[in-house]
C-alpha atoms as a PDB file:
ATOM      1  CA  MET A   1      -9.520  -2.877  12.929  1.00  0.00           C
ATOM      2  CA  PRO A   2      -8.142  -0.558  15.590  1.00  0.00           C
ATOM      3  CA  ARG A   3      -4.272  -0.469  15.620  1.00  0.00           C
ATOM      4  CA  SER A   4      -2.465  -2.456  18.130  1.00  0.00           C
ATOM      5  CA  PRO A   5      -0.048  -1.122  20.605  1.00  0.00           C
ATOM      6  CA  THR A   6       3.250  -0.546  18.741  1.00  0.00           C
ATOM      7  CA  PRO A   7       5.961  -2.927  20.627  1.00  0.00           C
ATOM      8  CA  ALA A   8       8.596  -0.979  22.681  1.00  0.00           C
ATOM      9  CA  ALA A   9      12.052  -0.529  21.084  1.00  0.00           C
ATOM     10  CA  SER A  10      13.331  -3.293  24.205  1.00  0.00           C
ATOM     11  CA  ALA A  11      10.522  -5.764  23.816  1.00  0.00           C
ATOM     12  CA  ALA A  12      11.085  -9.084  22.358  1.00  0.00           C
ATOM     13  CA  PRO A  13      11.161  -9.378  18.452  1.00  0.00           C
ATOM     14  CA  VAL A  14       7.721  -8.442  16.853  1.00  0.00           C
ATOM     15  CA  ALA A  15       5.292 -11.491  16.635  1.00  0.00           C
ATOM     16  CA  PRO A  16       4.784 -13.542  13.353  1.00  0.00           C
ATOM     17  CA  GLY A  17       3.100 -11.282  11.160  1.00  0.00           C
ATOM     18  CA  TYR A  18       6.707  -8.689  11.657  1.00  0.00           C
ATOM     19  CA  TYR A  19       4.425  -5.934  10.113  1.00  0.00           C
ATOM     20  CA  GLU A  20       1.451  -4.609  11.458  1.00  0.00           C
ATOM     21  CA  ARG A  21       0.463  -3.652   7.446  1.00  0.00           C
ATOM     22  CA  HIS A  22       2.114  -4.206   4.204  1.00  0.00           C
ATOM     23  CA  ILE A  23       1.664  -2.105   1.415  1.00  0.00           C
ATOM     24  CA  PHE A  24       3.084  -3.161  -2.047  1.00  0.00           C
ATOM     25  CA  PHE A  25       2.991  -1.294  -4.926  1.00  0.00           C
ATOM     26  CA  CYS A  26       2.478  -2.556  -8.661  1.00  0.00           C
ATOM     27  CA  LEU A  27       5.158  -0.858 -10.551  1.00  0.00           C
ATOM     28  CA  ASN A  28       5.328  -3.447 -13.524  1.00  0.00           C
ATOM     29  CA  GLU A  29       5.958  -2.061 -17.276  1.00  0.00           C
ATOM     30  CA  ARG A  30       4.620  -3.842 -19.698  1.00  0.00           C
ATOM     31  CA  LYS A  31       6.473  -4.344 -23.382  1.00  0.00           C
ATOM     32  CA  GLY A  32       4.758  -2.951 -26.595  1.00  0.00           C
ATOM     33  CA  GLY A  33       2.840   0.154 -24.892  1.00  0.00           C
ATOM     34  CA  GLU A  34       0.877  -2.420 -23.205  1.00  0.00           C
ATOM     35  CA  ASP A  35      -1.146  -0.570 -20.583  1.00  0.00           C
ATOM     36  CA  SER A  36       0.564  -1.150 -17.001  1.00  0.00           C
ATOM     37  CA  CYS A  37       1.151   0.453 -13.437  1.00  0.00           C
ATOM     38  CA  ALA A  38       4.127   1.952 -14.467  1.00  0.00           C
ATOM     39  CA  LEU A  39       2.073   4.232 -17.267  1.00  0.00           C
ATOM     40  CA  HIS A  40       0.379   5.810 -14.688  1.00  0.00           C
ATOM     41  CA  GLY A  41       2.445   7.189 -12.046  1.00  0.00           C
ATOM     42  CA  ALA A  42       3.044   4.570  -9.846  1.00  0.00           C
ATOM     43  CA  GLN A  43       6.258   5.078  -9.286  1.00  0.00           C
ATOM     44  CA  GLN A  44       5.245   8.051  -7.739  1.00  0.00           C
ATOM     45  CA  GLY A  45       2.864   7.353  -5.294  1.00  0.00           C
ATOM     46  CA  PHE A  46       4.829   4.388  -4.010  1.00  0.00           C
ATOM     47  CA  ASP A  47       7.555   7.419  -3.189  1.00  0.00           C
ATOM     48  CA  HIS A  48       4.571   9.307  -1.705  1.00  0.00           C
ATOM     49  CA  CYS A  49       3.546   6.615   0.261  1.00  0.00           C
ATOM     50  CA  LYS A  50       6.582   5.871   1.470  1.00  0.00           C
ATOM     51  CA  ALA A  51       7.948   9.113   2.507  1.00  0.00           C
ATOM     52  CA  SER A  52       4.462   9.360   3.892  1.00  0.00           C
ATOM     53  CA  VAL A  53       4.740   6.545   6.356  1.00  0.00           C
ATOM     54  CA  LYS A  54       8.169   7.503   7.375  1.00  0.00           C
ATOM     55  CA  ALA A  55       7.056  11.026   8.173  1.00  0.00           C
ATOM     56  CA  ALA A  56       4.299   9.991  10.302  1.00  0.00           C
ATOM     57  CA  GLY A  57       6.638   7.424  12.316  1.00  0.00           C
ATOM     58  CA  LEU A  58       4.781   4.085  10.964  1.00  0.00           C
ATOM     59  CA  SER A  59       7.411   2.534   9.476  1.00  0.00           C
ATOM     60  CA  GLY A  60       9.568  -0.103  10.962  1.00  0.00           C
ATOM     61  CA  ALA A  61       8.735  -3.615  12.902  1.00  0.00           C
ATOM     62  CA  GLY A  62       5.482  -4.071  14.203  1.00  0.00           C
ATOM     63  CA  LYS A  63       4.170  -1.204  11.968  1.00  0.00           C
ATOM     64  CA  VAL A  64       4.064  -0.707   8.590  1.00  0.00           C
ATOM     65  CA  ARG A  65       6.263  -1.635   5.249  1.00  0.00           C
ATOM     66  CA  VAL A  66       5.879   0.238   1.911  1.00  0.00           C
ATOM     67  CA  ASN A  67       6.894  -2.373  -0.857  1.00  0.00           C
ATOM     68  CA  LYS A  68       7.690  -2.077  -4.343  1.00  0.00           C
ATOM     69  CA  ALA A  69       6.063  -5.125  -6.567  1.00  0.00           C
ATOM     70  CA  GLY A  70       5.989  -6.430  -9.766  1.00  0.00           C
ATOM     71  CA  CYS A  71       3.206  -7.569 -11.985  1.00  0.00           C
ATOM     72  CA  LEU A  72       0.207  -7.864  -9.630  1.00  0.00           C
ATOM     73  CA  ASP A  73      -1.752  -8.708 -12.619  1.00  0.00           C
ATOM     74  CA  ARG A  74      -4.798  -6.205 -11.852  1.00  0.00           C
ATOM     75  CA  CYS A  75      -3.619  -3.754 -14.827  1.00  0.00           C
ATOM     76  CA  ALA A  76      -6.478  -2.595 -16.038  1.00  0.00           C
ATOM     77  CA  GLY A  77      -7.245  -0.629 -12.636  1.00  0.00           C
ATOM     78  CA  GLY A  78      -4.005   0.675 -12.561  1.00  0.00           C
ATOM     79  CA  PRO A  79      -1.933   2.278 -10.890  1.00  0.00           C
ATOM     80  CA  VAL A  80      -3.188  -0.689  -7.763  1.00  0.00           C
ATOM     81  CA  ALA A  81      -1.535  -1.309  -4.707  1.00  0.00           C
ATOM     82  CA  VAL A  82      -2.350  -3.856  -1.881  1.00  0.00           C
ATOM     83  CA  VAL A  83      -2.485  -3.841   1.719  1.00  0.00           C
ATOM     84  CA  TYR A  84      -2.016  -7.013   4.077  1.00  0.00           C
ATOM     85  CA  PRO A  85      -3.272  -8.349   6.269  1.00  0.00           C
ATOM     86  CA  GLU A  86      -6.515  -7.430   5.238  1.00  0.00           C
ATOM     87  CA  ALA A  87      -5.904  -8.072   1.147  1.00  0.00           C
ATOM     88  CA  VAL A  88      -7.718  -4.529   0.328  1.00  0.00           C
ATOM     89  CA  TRP A  89      -6.501  -3.572  -3.376  1.00  0.00           C
ATOM     90  CA  TYR A  90      -6.631   0.267  -3.963  1.00  0.00           C
ATOM     91  CA  THR A  91      -6.286   2.168  -7.169  1.00  0.00           C
ATOM     92  CA  PHE A  92      -5.261   6.142  -6.793  1.00  0.00           C
ATOM     93  CA  VAL A  93      -4.851   9.038  -9.115  1.00  0.00           C
ATOM     94  CA  ASP A  94      -2.740  11.171  -6.875  1.00  0.00           C
ATOM     95  CA  GLN A  95      -1.276  12.172  -3.422  1.00  0.00           C
ATOM     96  CA  ALA A  96      -4.154  12.940  -2.089  1.00  0.00           C
ATOM     97  CA  ASP A  97      -5.448   9.385  -2.602  1.00  0.00           C
ATOM     98  CA  ILE A  98      -1.930   8.314  -1.429  1.00  0.00           C
ATOM     99  CA  ASP A  99      -2.314  10.636   2.060  1.00  0.00           C
ATOM    100  CA  GLU A 100      -5.685   8.832   2.483  1.00  0.00           C
ATOM    101  CA  ILE A 101      -4.720   5.286   2.631  1.00  0.00           C
ATOM    102  CA  VAL A 102      -1.849   6.252   4.977  1.00  0.00           C
ATOM    103  CA  GLU A 103      -3.756   8.366   7.499  1.00  0.00           C
ATOM    104  CA  SER A 104      -7.081   6.053   7.271  1.00  0.00           C
ATOM    105  CA  HIS A 105      -5.899   2.591   6.574  1.00  0.00           C
ATOM    106  CA  LEU A 106      -2.335   2.478   7.191  1.00  0.00           C
ATOM    107  CA  LYS A 107      -2.407   4.224  10.331  1.00  0.00           C
ATOM    108  CA  ASN A 108      -5.854   3.630  11.503  1.00  0.00           C
ATOM    109  CA  GLY A 109      -7.315   0.477  10.337  1.00  0.00           C
ATOM    110  CA  GLN A 110     -10.243   2.109   8.083  1.00  0.00           C
ATOM    111  CA  VAL A 111     -10.718   0.830   4.481  1.00  0.00           C
ATOM    112  CA  VAL A 112     -11.058   3.828   2.331  1.00  0.00           C
ATOM    113  CA  GLU A 113     -13.951   2.697   0.306  1.00  0.00           C
ATOM    114  CA  ARG A 114     -14.082   5.125  -2.779  1.00  0.00           C
ATOM    115  CA  LEU A 115     -10.647   4.048  -3.500  1.00  0.00           C
ATOM    116  CA  VAL A 116     -11.219   0.270  -3.156  1.00  0.00           C
ATOM    117  CA  LEU A 117     -10.801  -1.618  -6.694  1.00  0.00           C
ATOM    118  CA  PRO A 118     -13.561  -3.700  -7.398  1.00  0.00           C
ATOM    119  CA  ALA A 119     -13.376  -7.233  -7.408  1.00  0.00           C
ATOM    120  CA  ASP A 120     -14.051  -8.196 -10.962  1.00  0.00           C
ATOM    121  CA  VAL A 121     -10.930  -5.831 -12.101  1.00  0.00           C
ATOM    122  CA  GLY A 122      -8.016  -8.164 -13.690  1.00  0.00           C
ATOM    123  CA  ARG A 123      -5.839  -7.886 -16.089  1.00  0.00           C
END
């Protein structure tokens, strides 16, 4: 999906969606050593994504929002992040994966197929 034009600073308030895209990173840490996203570099992925989005000028109303989330209940694929409104679930292993998600999906609307979490992966 191509990116829509960014509203000018003096334009009326942003439409109902408020953000063009919203990415949520699971940062949950389960008790008792149970596997969870927090044990697989989720915080580092979140921090890198947030900094990359800001550096690229993609943050703010009508653009992209990067948020922390609690458990997204897909621990077996962790770490995980989900991008809305497309509802695309990603897994990632390093900063290069996050860079690809930012550039391809968050900036240009192109899903990074190689990082999509398979639909059958749950808790």
